[in-house]
Amino acid sequence: MGAQGMVCSANDTVTEQVVAIKKMTNPFQNVVFAKRAYREIKLMKLFNHKNIMGLLNAFTPQRSLKEFQDVYLVMEHMDTALEKNHWE
């Protein structure tokens, strides 16, 4: 759980790889949240580096603009987290 949403790991049944899925709830509820969501998505698509998770897919389960609420980001899975201290 973080400031921008909740993340879990999942198995992609098509590619048979482990992925991370981030749920962004109401990312466009105001201008600040919208800018953060757009910036995150844009940067993840631009960067191609082994230490930066790449964006594999993005989708919303809602079928109409009126229902639109959540965005899911499917990303490369990382085996660690930044808060872990690897030098102990």
PDB file of N, CA and C in Angstrom:
ATOM      1  N   MET A   1       0.853  -1.181   0.000  1.00  0.00           N
ATOM      2  CA  MET A   1       0.000   0.000   0.000  1.00  0.00           C
ATOM      3  C   MET A   1       0.893   1.237   0.000  1.00  0.00           C
ATOM      4  N   GLY A   2       0.570   2.176  -0.857  1.00  0.00           N
ATOM      5  CA  GLY A   2       1.355   3.395  -0.923  1.00  0.00           C
ATOM      6  C   GLY A   2       0.464   4.599  -1.155  1.00  0.00           C
ATOM      7  N   ALA A   3       1.093   5.734  -1.400  1.00  0.00           N
ATOM      8  CA  ALA A   3       0.356   6.979  -1.597  1.00  0.00           C
ATOM      9  C   ALA A   3      -0.501   6.948  -2.859  1.00  0.00           C
ATOM     10  N   GLN A   4      -0.047   6.264  -3.882  1.00  0.00           N
ATOM     11  CA  GLN A   4      -0.755   6.241  -5.156  1.00  0.00           C
ATOM     12  C   GLN A   4      -1.642   5.024  -5.348  1.00  0.00           C
ATOM     13  N   GLY A   5      -1.574   4.036  -4.479  1.00  0.00           N
ATOM     14  CA  GLY A   5      -2.415   2.861  -4.656  1.00  0.00           C
ATOM     15  C   GLY A   5      -1.886   1.644  -3.939  1.00  0.00           C
ATOM     16  N   MET A   6      -2.469   0.511  -4.285  1.00  0.00           N
ATOM     17  CA  MET A   6      -2.140  -0.765  -3.677  1.00  0.00           C
ATOM     18  C   MET A   6      -1.508  -1.659  -4.754  1.00  0.00           C
ATOM     19  N   VAL A   7      -0.486  -2.445  -4.370  1.00  0.00           N
ATOM     20  CA  VAL A   7       0.214  -3.303  -5.324  1.00  0.00           C
ATOM     21  C   VAL A   7       0.185  -4.747  -4.826  1.00  0.00           C
ATOM     22  N   CYS A   8      -0.005  -5.666  -5.761  1.00  0.00           N
ATOM     23  CA  CYS A   8       0.069  -7.085  -5.441  1.00  0.00           C
ATOM     24  C   CYS A   8       0.797  -7.799  -6.568  1.00  0.00           C
ATOM     25  N   SER A   9       1.242  -9.001  -6.307  1.00  0.00           N
ATOM     26  CA  SER A   9       1.867  -9.794  -7.367  1.00  0.00           C
ATOM     27  C   SER A   9       0.826 -10.765  -7.905  1.00  0.00           C
ATOM     28  N   ALA A  10       1.006 -11.133  -9.178  1.00  0.00           N
ATOM     29  CA  ALA A  10       0.062 -12.041  -9.832  1.00  0.00           C
ATOM     30  C   ALA A  10       0.789 -12.828 -10.907  1.00  0.00           C
ATOM     31  N   ASN A  11       0.168 -13.902 -11.343  1.00  0.00           N
ATOM     32  CA  ASN A  11       0.715 -14.691 -12.443  1.00  0.00           C
ATOM     33  C   ASN A  11      -0.030 -14.339 -13.717  1.00  0.00           C
ATOM     34  N   ASP A  12       0.711 -13.912 -14.734  1.00  0.00           N
ATOM     35  CA  ASP A  12       0.132 -13.631 -16.043  1.00  0.00           C
ATOM     36  C   ASP A  12      -0.034 -14.965 -16.761  1.00  0.00           C
ATOM     37  N   THR A  13      -1.264 -15.368 -17.004  1.00  0.00           N
ATOM     38  CA  THR A  13      -1.516 -16.679 -17.600  1.00  0.00           C
ATOM     39  C   THR A  13      -1.167 -16.726 -19.086  1.00  0.00           C
ATOM     40  N   VAL A  14      -1.047 -15.569 -19.736  1.00  0.00           N
ATOM     41  CA  VAL A  14      -0.690 -15.529 -21.154  1.00  0.00           C
ATOM     42  C   VAL A  14       0.819 -15.663 -21.332  1.00  0.00           C
ATOM     43  N   THR A  15       1.579 -14.835 -20.597  1.00  0.00           N
ATOM     44  CA  THR A  15       3.040 -14.850 -20.728  1.00  0.00           C
ATOM     45  C   THR A  15       3.718 -15.803 -19.752  1.00  0.00           C
ATOM     46  N   GLU A  16       2.946 -16.303 -18.784  1.00  0.00           N
ATOM     47  CA  GLU A  16       3.460 -17.194 -17.745  1.00  0.00           C
ATOM     48  C   GLU A  16       4.597 -16.570 -16.938  1.00  0.00           C
ATOM     49  N   GLN A  17       4.492 -15.278 -16.686  1.00  0.00           N
ATOM     50  CA  GLN A  17       5.484 -14.603 -15.852  1.00  0.00           C
ATOM     51  C   GLN A  17       4.786 -13.970 -14.650  1.00  0.00           C
ATOM     52  N   VAL A  18       5.556 -13.742 -13.591  1.00  0.00           N
ATOM     53  CA  VAL A  18       5.033 -13.063 -12.413  1.00  0.00           C
ATOM     54  C   VAL A  18       5.076 -11.566 -12.692  1.00  0.00           C
ATOM     55  N   VAL A  19       3.975 -10.877 -12.421  1.00  0.00           N
ATOM     56  CA  VAL A  19       3.879  -9.439 -12.643  1.00  0.00           C
ATOM     57  C   VAL A  19       3.411  -8.762 -11.364  1.00  0.00           C
ATOM     58  N   ALA A  20       3.573  -7.461 -11.317  1.00  0.00           N
ATOM     59  CA  ALA A  20       3.033  -6.647 -10.230  1.00  0.00           C
ATOM     60  C   ALA A  20       1.857  -5.868 -10.802  1.00  0.00           C
ATOM     61  N   ILE A  21       0.761  -5.828 -10.061  1.00  0.00           N
ATOM     62  CA  ILE A  21      -0.412  -5.076 -10.499  1.00  0.00           C
ATOM     63  C   ILE A  21      -0.706  -3.998  -9.458  1.00  0.00           C
ATOM     64  N   LYS A  22      -0.737  -2.766  -9.926  1.00  0.00           N
ATOM     65  CA  LYS A  22      -1.009  -1.633  -9.047  1.00  0.00           C
ATOM     66  C   LYS A  22      -2.408  -1.107  -9.332  1.00  0.00           C
ATOM     67  N   LYS A  23      -3.222  -1.015  -8.298  1.00  0.00           N
ATOM     68  CA  LYS A  23      -4.567  -0.465  -8.429  1.00  0.00           C
ATOM     69  C   LYS A  23      -4.539   0.988  -7.981  1.00  0.00           C
ATOM     70  N   MET A  24      -4.871   1.873  -8.900  1.00  0.00           N
ATOM     71  CA  MET A  24      -4.967   3.294  -8.589  1.00  0.00           C
ATOM     72  C   MET A  24      -6.456   3.629  -8.502  1.00  0.00           C
ATOM     73  N   THR A  25      -6.937   3.934  -7.295  1.00  0.00           N
ATOM     74  CA  THR A  25      -8.344   4.245  -7.086  1.00  0.00           C
ATOM     75  C   THR A  25      -8.576   5.749  -7.240  1.00  0.00           C
ATOM     76  N   ASN A  26      -9.519   6.111  -8.073  1.00  0.00           N
ATOM     77  CA  ASN A  26      -9.856   7.517  -8.332  1.00  0.00           C
ATOM     78  C   ASN A  26      -8.635   8.374  -8.672  1.00  0.00           C
ATOM     79  N   PRO A  27      -7.797   7.950  -9.620  1.00  0.00           N
ATOM     80  CA  PRO A  27      -6.592   8.717  -9.903  1.00  0.00           C
ATOM     81  C   PRO A  27      -6.864  10.081 -10.540  1.00  0.00           C
ATOM     82  N   PHE A  28      -8.076  10.296 -11.021  1.00  0.00           N
ATOM     83  CA  PHE A  28      -8.395  11.571 -11.662  1.00  0.00           C
ATOM     84  C   PHE A  28      -9.458  12.348 -10.899  1.00  0.00           C
ATOM     85  N   GLN A  29      -9.482  12.162  -9.567  1.00  0.00           N
ATOM     86  CA  GLN A  29     -10.482  12.832  -8.747  1.00  0.00           C
ATOM     87  C   GLN A  29     -10.230  14.328  -8.612  1.00  0.00           C
ATOM     88  N   ASN A  30      -8.978  14.748  -8.780  1.00  0.00           N
ATOM     89  CA  ASN A  30      -8.664  16.174  -8.798  1.00  0.00           C
ATOM     90  C   ASN A  30      -7.409  16.387  -9.642  1.00  0.00           C
ATOM     91  N   VAL A  31      -7.051  17.613  -9.870  1.00  0.00           N
ATOM     92  CA  VAL A  31      -5.938  17.933 -10.771  1.00  0.00           C
ATOM     93  C   VAL A  31      -4.613  17.382 -10.253  1.00  0.00           C
ATOM     94  N   VAL A  32      -4.358  17.460  -8.964  1.00  0.00           N
ATOM     95  CA  VAL A  32      -3.095  16.979  -8.396  1.00  0.00           C
ATOM     96  C   VAL A  32      -2.953  15.471  -8.601  1.00  0.00           C
ATOM     97  N   PHE A  33      -3.996  14.708  -8.270  1.00  0.00           N
ATOM     98  CA  PHE A  33      -3.947  13.257  -8.444  1.00  0.00           C
ATOM     99  C   PHE A  33      -3.815  12.884  -9.915  1.00  0.00           C
ATOM    100  N   ALA A  34      -4.509  13.613 -10.780  1.00  0.00           N
ATOM    101  CA  ALA A  34      -4.444  13.344 -12.214  1.00  0.00           C
ATOM    102  C   ALA A  34      -3.035  13.561 -12.750  1.00  0.00           C
ATOM    103  N   LYS A  35      -2.392  14.636 -12.329  1.00  0.00           N
ATOM    104  CA  LYS A  35      -1.022  14.911 -12.764  1.00  0.00           C
ATOM    105  C   LYS A  35      -0.062  13.834 -12.275  1.00  0.00           C
ATOM    106  N   ARG A  36      -0.231  13.380 -11.057  1.00  0.00           N
ATOM    107  CA  ARG A  36       0.628  12.320 -10.507  1.00  0.00           C
ATOM    108  C   ARG A  36       0.453  11.012 -11.285  1.00  0.00           C
ATOM    109  N   ALA A  37      -0.795  10.652 -11.551  1.00  0.00           N
ATOM    110  CA  ALA A  37      -1.069   9.418 -12.287  1.00  0.00           C
ATOM    111  C   ALA A  37      -0.499   9.504 -13.700  1.00  0.00           C
ATOM    112  N   TYR A  38      -0.742  10.605 -14.380  1.00  0.00           N
ATOM    113  CA  TYR A  38      -0.233  10.786 -15.740  1.00  0.00           C
ATOM    114  C   TYR A  38       1.290  10.733 -15.757  1.00  0.00           C
ATOM    115  N   ARG A  39       1.919  11.421 -14.809  1.00  0.00           N
ATOM    116  CA  ARG A  39       3.383  11.456 -14.733  1.00  0.00           C
ATOM    117  C   ARG A  39       3.955  10.061 -14.514  1.00  0.00           C
ATOM    118  N   GLU A  40       3.347   9.303 -13.605  1.00  0.00           N
ATOM    119  CA  GLU A  40       3.829   7.953 -13.328  1.00  0.00           C
ATOM    120  C   GLU A  40       3.722   7.061 -14.566  1.00  0.00           C
ATOM    121  N   ILE A  41       2.569   7.088 -15.212  1.00  0.00           N
ATOM    122  CA  ILE A  41       2.367   6.264 -16.405  1.00  0.00           C
ATOM    123  C   ILE A  41       3.311   6.673 -17.519  1.00  0.00           C
ATOM    124  N   LYS A  42       3.441   7.948 -17.750  1.00  0.00           N
ATOM    125  CA  LYS A  42       4.306   8.457 -18.822  1.00  0.00           C
ATOM    126  C   LYS A  42       5.770   8.079 -18.571  1.00  0.00           C
ATOM    127  N   LEU A  43       6.253   8.277 -17.361  1.00  0.00           N
ATOM    128  CA  LEU A  43       7.646   7.960 -17.035  1.00  0.00           C
ATOM    129  C   LEU A  43       7.920   6.463 -17.124  1.00  0.00           C
ATOM    130  N   MET A  44       6.984   5.653 -16.672  1.00  0.00           N
ATOM    131  CA  MET A  44       7.189   4.202 -16.743  1.00  0.00           C
ATOM    132  C   MET A  44       7.277   3.718 -18.183  1.00  0.00           C
ATOM    133  N   LYS A  45       6.578   4.377 -19.082  1.00  0.00           N
ATOM    134  CA  LYS A  45       6.647   3.997 -20.502  1.00  0.00           C
ATOM    135  C   LYS A  45       7.943   4.498 -21.147  1.00  0.00           C
ATOM    136  N   LEU A  46       8.488   5.602 -20.664  1.00  0.00           N
ATOM    137  CA  LEU A  46       9.685   6.191 -21.269  1.00  0.00           C
ATOM    138  C   LEU A  46      10.973   5.489 -20.879  1.00  0.00           C
ATOM    139  N   PHE A  47      11.080   5.077 -19.609  1.00  0.00           N
ATOM    140  CA  PHE A  47      12.318   4.501 -19.114  1.00  0.00           C
ATOM    141  C   PHE A  47      12.474   3.042 -19.517  1.00  0.00           C
ATOM    142  N   ASN A  48      13.694   2.676 -19.819  1.00  0.00           N
ATOM    143  CA  ASN A  48      14.034   1.287 -20.108  1.00  0.00           C
ATOM    144  C   ASN A  48      15.343   0.996 -19.385  1.00  0.00           C
ATOM    145  N   HIS A  49      15.237   0.601 -18.122  1.00  0.00           N
ATOM    146  CA  HIS A  49      16.406   0.383 -17.279  1.00  0.00           C
ATOM    147  C   HIS A  49      16.137  -0.799 -16.363  1.00  0.00           C
ATOM    148  N   LYS A  50      17.160  -1.599 -16.090  1.00  0.00           N
ATOM    149  CA  LYS A  50      16.976  -2.804 -15.272  1.00  0.00           C
ATOM    150  C   LYS A  50      16.532  -2.507 -13.839  1.00  0.00           C
ATOM    151  N   ASN A  51      16.774  -1.307 -13.340  1.00  0.00           N
ATOM    152  CA  ASN A  51      16.401  -0.961 -11.969  1.00  0.00           C
ATOM    153  C   ASN A  51      15.084  -0.188 -11.875  1.00  0.00           C
ATOM    154  N   ILE A  52      14.415  -0.016 -13.011  1.00  0.00           N
ATOM    155  CA  ILE A  52      13.129   0.684 -13.025  1.00  0.00           C
ATOM    156  C   ILE A  52      12.081  -0.260 -13.596  1.00  0.00           C
ATOM    157  N   MET A  53      11.000  -0.448 -12.849  1.00  0.00           N
ATOM    158  CA  MET A  53       9.944  -1.346 -13.314  1.00  0.00           C
ATOM    159  C   MET A  53       9.310  -0.791 -14.578  1.00  0.00           C
ATOM    160  N   GLY A  54       9.185  -1.642 -15.574  1.00  0.00           N
ATOM    161  CA  GLY A  54       8.563  -1.230 -16.818  1.00  0.00           C
ATOM    162  C   GLY A  54       7.062  -1.456 -16.792  1.00  0.00           C
ATOM    163  N   LEU A  55       6.344  -0.614 -17.492  1.00  0.00           N
ATOM    164  CA  LEU A  55       4.899  -0.743 -17.597  1.00  0.00           C
ATOM    165  C   LEU A  55       4.571  -1.694 -18.742  1.00  0.00           C
ATOM    166  N   LEU A  56       3.900  -2.791 -18.440  1.00  0.00           N
ATOM    167  CA  LEU A  56       3.547  -3.780 -19.449  1.00  0.00           C
ATOM    168  C   LEU A  56       2.163  -3.529 -20.036  1.00  0.00           C
ATOM    169  N   ASN A  57       1.245  -3.032 -19.199  1.00  0.00           N
ATOM    170  CA  ASN A  57      -0.125  -2.823 -19.643  1.00  0.00           C
ATOM    171  C   ASN A  57      -0.835  -1.903 -18.656  1.00  0.00           C
ATOM    172  N   ALA A  58      -1.902  -1.285 -19.099  1.00  0.00           N
ATOM    173  CA  ALA A  58      -2.760  -0.469 -18.229  1.00  0.00           C
ATOM    174  C   ALA A  58      -4.194  -0.691 -18.681  1.00  0.00           C
ATOM    175  N   PHE A  59      -5.092  -0.819 -17.711  1.00  0.00           N
ATOM    176  CA  PHE A  59      -6.487  -1.035 -18.073  1.00  0.00           C
ATOM    177  C   PHE A  59      -7.406  -0.569 -16.958  1.00  0.00           C
ATOM    178  N   THR A  60      -8.669  -0.443 -17.287  1.00  0.00           N
ATOM    179  CA  THR A  60      -9.700  -0.142 -16.310  1.00  0.00           C
ATOM    180  C   THR A  60     -10.824  -1.161 -16.494  1.00  0.00           C
ATOM    181  N   PRO A  61     -11.364  -1.700 -15.409  1.00  0.00           N
ATOM    182  CA  PRO A  61     -12.431  -2.699 -15.549  1.00  0.00           C
ATOM    183  C   PRO A  61     -13.789  -2.089 -15.881  1.00  0.00           C
ATOM    184  N   GLN A  62     -13.926  -0.792 -15.688  1.00  0.00           N
ATOM    185  CA  GLN A  62     -15.210  -0.150 -15.957  1.00  0.00           C
ATOM    186  C   GLN A  62     -15.446  -0.064 -17.472  1.00  0.00           C
ATOM    187  N   ARG A  63     -16.700  -0.149 -17.857  1.00  0.00           N
ATOM    188  CA  ARG A  63     -17.048  -0.187 -19.277  1.00  0.00           C
ATOM    189  C   ARG A  63     -17.507   1.152 -19.839  1.00  0.00           C
ATOM    190  N   SER A  64     -17.751   2.142 -18.989  1.00  0.00           N
ATOM    191  CA  SER A  64     -18.195   3.442 -19.486  1.00  0.00           C
ATOM    192  C   SER A  64     -17.493   4.555 -18.713  1.00  0.00           C
ATOM    193  N   LEU A  65     -17.480   5.745 -19.309  1.00  0.00           N
ATOM    194  CA  LEU A  65     -16.861   6.898 -18.660  1.00  0.00           C
ATOM    195  C   LEU A  65     -17.602   7.254 -17.379  1.00  0.00           C
ATOM    196  N   LYS A  66     -18.895   7.042 -17.367  1.00  0.00           N
ATOM    197  CA  LYS A  66     -19.691   7.346 -16.179  1.00  0.00           C
ATOM    198  C   LYS A  66     -19.297   6.457 -15.000  1.00  0.00           C
ATOM    199  N   GLU A  67     -18.923   5.204 -15.276  1.00  0.00           N
ATOM    200  CA  GLU A  67     -18.514   4.258 -14.233  1.00  0.00           C
ATOM    201  C   GLU A  67     -17.034   4.371 -13.886  1.00  0.00           C
ATOM    202  N   PHE A  68     -16.261   5.055 -14.712  1.00  0.00           N
ATOM    203  CA  PHE A  68     -14.803   5.088 -14.569  1.00  0.00           C
ATOM    204  C   PHE A  68     -14.382   5.490 -13.167  1.00  0.00           C
ATOM    205  N   GLN A  69     -13.528   4.640 -12.571  1.00  0.00           N
ATOM    206  CA  GLN A  69     -13.069   4.912 -11.216  1.00  0.00           C
ATOM    207  C   GLN A  69     -11.638   4.433 -10.985  1.00  0.00           C
ATOM    208  N   ASP A  70     -11.312   3.228 -11.415  1.00  0.00           N
ATOM    209  CA  ASP A  70     -10.009   2.640 -11.103  1.00  0.00           C
ATOM    210  C   ASP A  70      -9.175   2.418 -12.359  1.00  0.00           C
ATOM    211  N   VAL A  71      -7.856   2.504 -12.167  1.00  0.00           N
ATOM    212  CA  VAL A  71      -6.905   2.176 -13.228  1.00  0.00           C
ATOM    213  C   VAL A  71      -5.956   1.128 -12.652  1.00  0.00           C
ATOM    214  N   TYR A  72      -5.691   0.104 -13.428  1.00  0.00           N
ATOM    215  CA  TYR A  72      -4.760  -0.944 -13.024  1.00  0.00           C
ATOM    216  C   TYR A  72      -3.528  -0.871 -13.918  1.00  0.00           C
ATOM    217  N   LEU A  73      -2.351  -0.854 -13.299  1.00  0.00           N
ATOM    218  CA  LEU A  73      -1.091  -0.848 -14.028  1.00  0.00           C
ATOM    219  C   LEU A  73      -0.430  -2.206 -13.850  1.00  0.00           C
ATOM    220  N   VAL A  74      -0.141  -2.879 -14.946  1.00  0.00           N
ATOM    221  CA  VAL A  74       0.554  -4.163 -14.906  1.00  0.00           C
ATOM    222  C   VAL A  74       2.020  -3.874 -15.193  1.00  0.00           C
ATOM    223  N   MET A  75       2.879  -4.234 -14.236  1.00  0.00           N
ATOM    224  CA  MET A  75       4.295  -3.882 -14.317  1.00  0.00           C
ATOM    225  C   MET A  75       5.172  -5.106 -14.159  1.00  0.00           C
ATOM    226  N   GLU A  76       6.416  -4.943 -14.510  1.00  0.00           N
ATOM    227  CA  GLU A  76       7.394  -5.994 -14.254  1.00  0.00           C
ATOM    228  C   GLU A  76       7.482  -6.205 -12.752  1.00  0.00           C
ATOM    229  N   HIS A  77       7.679  -7.441 -12.352  1.00  0.00           N
ATOM    230  CA  HIS A  77       7.772  -7.777 -10.931  1.00  0.00           C
ATOM    231  C   HIS A  77       9.217  -7.635 -10.467  1.00  0.00           C
ATOM    232  N   MET A  78       9.410  -7.010  -9.316  1.00  0.00           N
ATOM    233  CA  MET A  78      10.737  -6.874  -8.713  1.00  0.00           C
ATOM    234  C   MET A  78      10.782  -7.769  -7.487  1.00  0.00           C
ATOM    235  N   ASP A  79      11.921  -8.400  -7.247  1.00  0.00           N
ATOM    236  CA  ASP A  79      12.050  -9.328  -6.123  1.00  0.00           C
ATOM    237  C   ASP A  79      12.356  -8.645  -4.795  1.00  0.00           C
ATOM    238  N   THR A  80      12.398  -7.343  -4.776  1.00  0.00           N
ATOM    239  CA  THR A  80      12.760  -6.617  -3.564  1.00  0.00           C
ATOM    240  C   THR A  80      11.982  -5.314  -3.489  1.00  0.00           C
ATOM    241  N   ALA A  81      12.153  -4.596  -2.385  1.00  0.00           N
ATOM    242  CA  ALA A  81      11.523  -3.297  -2.197  1.00  0.00           C
ATOM    243  C   ALA A  81      12.590  -2.293  -1.804  1.00  0.00           C
ATOM    244  N   LEU A  82      12.366  -1.027  -2.105  1.00  0.00           N
ATOM    245  CA  LEU A  82      13.365   0.001  -1.825  1.00  0.00           C
ATOM    246  C   LEU A  82      13.605   0.211  -0.336  1.00  0.00           C
ATOM    247  N   GLU A  83      12.597  -0.080   0.491  1.00  0.00           N
ATOM    248  CA  GLU A  83      12.785   0.172   1.919  1.00  0.00           C
ATOM    249  C   GLU A  83      13.684  -0.860   2.585  1.00  0.00           C
ATOM    250  N   LYS A  84      13.982  -1.965   1.895  1.00  0.00           N
ATOM    251  CA  LYS A  84      14.859  -2.987   2.484  1.00  0.00           C
ATOM    252  C   LYS A  84      16.297  -2.507   2.432  1.00  0.00           C
ATOM    253  N   ASN A  85      17.025  -2.736   3.514  1.00  0.00           N
ATOM    254  CA  ASN A  85      18.423  -2.361   3.579  1.00  0.00           C
ATOM    255  C   ASN A  85      19.260  -3.571   3.192  1.00  0.00           C
ATOM    256  N   HIS A  86      19.901  -3.527   2.046  1.00  0.00           N
ATOM    257  CA  HIS A  86      20.669  -4.670   1.547  1.00  0.00           C
ATOM    258  C   HIS A  86      22.123  -4.655   2.011  1.00  0.00           C
ATOM    259  N   TRP A  87      22.480  -3.687   2.836  1.00  0.00           N
ATOM    260  CA  TRP A  87      23.879  -3.598   3.259  1.00  0.00           C
ATOM    261  C   TRP A  87      24.086  -4.073   4.692  1.00  0.00           C
ATOM    262  N   GLU A  88      23.105  -4.670   5.285  1.00  0.00           N
ATOM    263  CA  GLU A  88      23.266  -5.145   6.677  1.00  0.00           C
ATOM    264  C   GLU A  88      24.039  -6.428   6.712  1.00  0.00           C
TER     265      GLU A  88
END
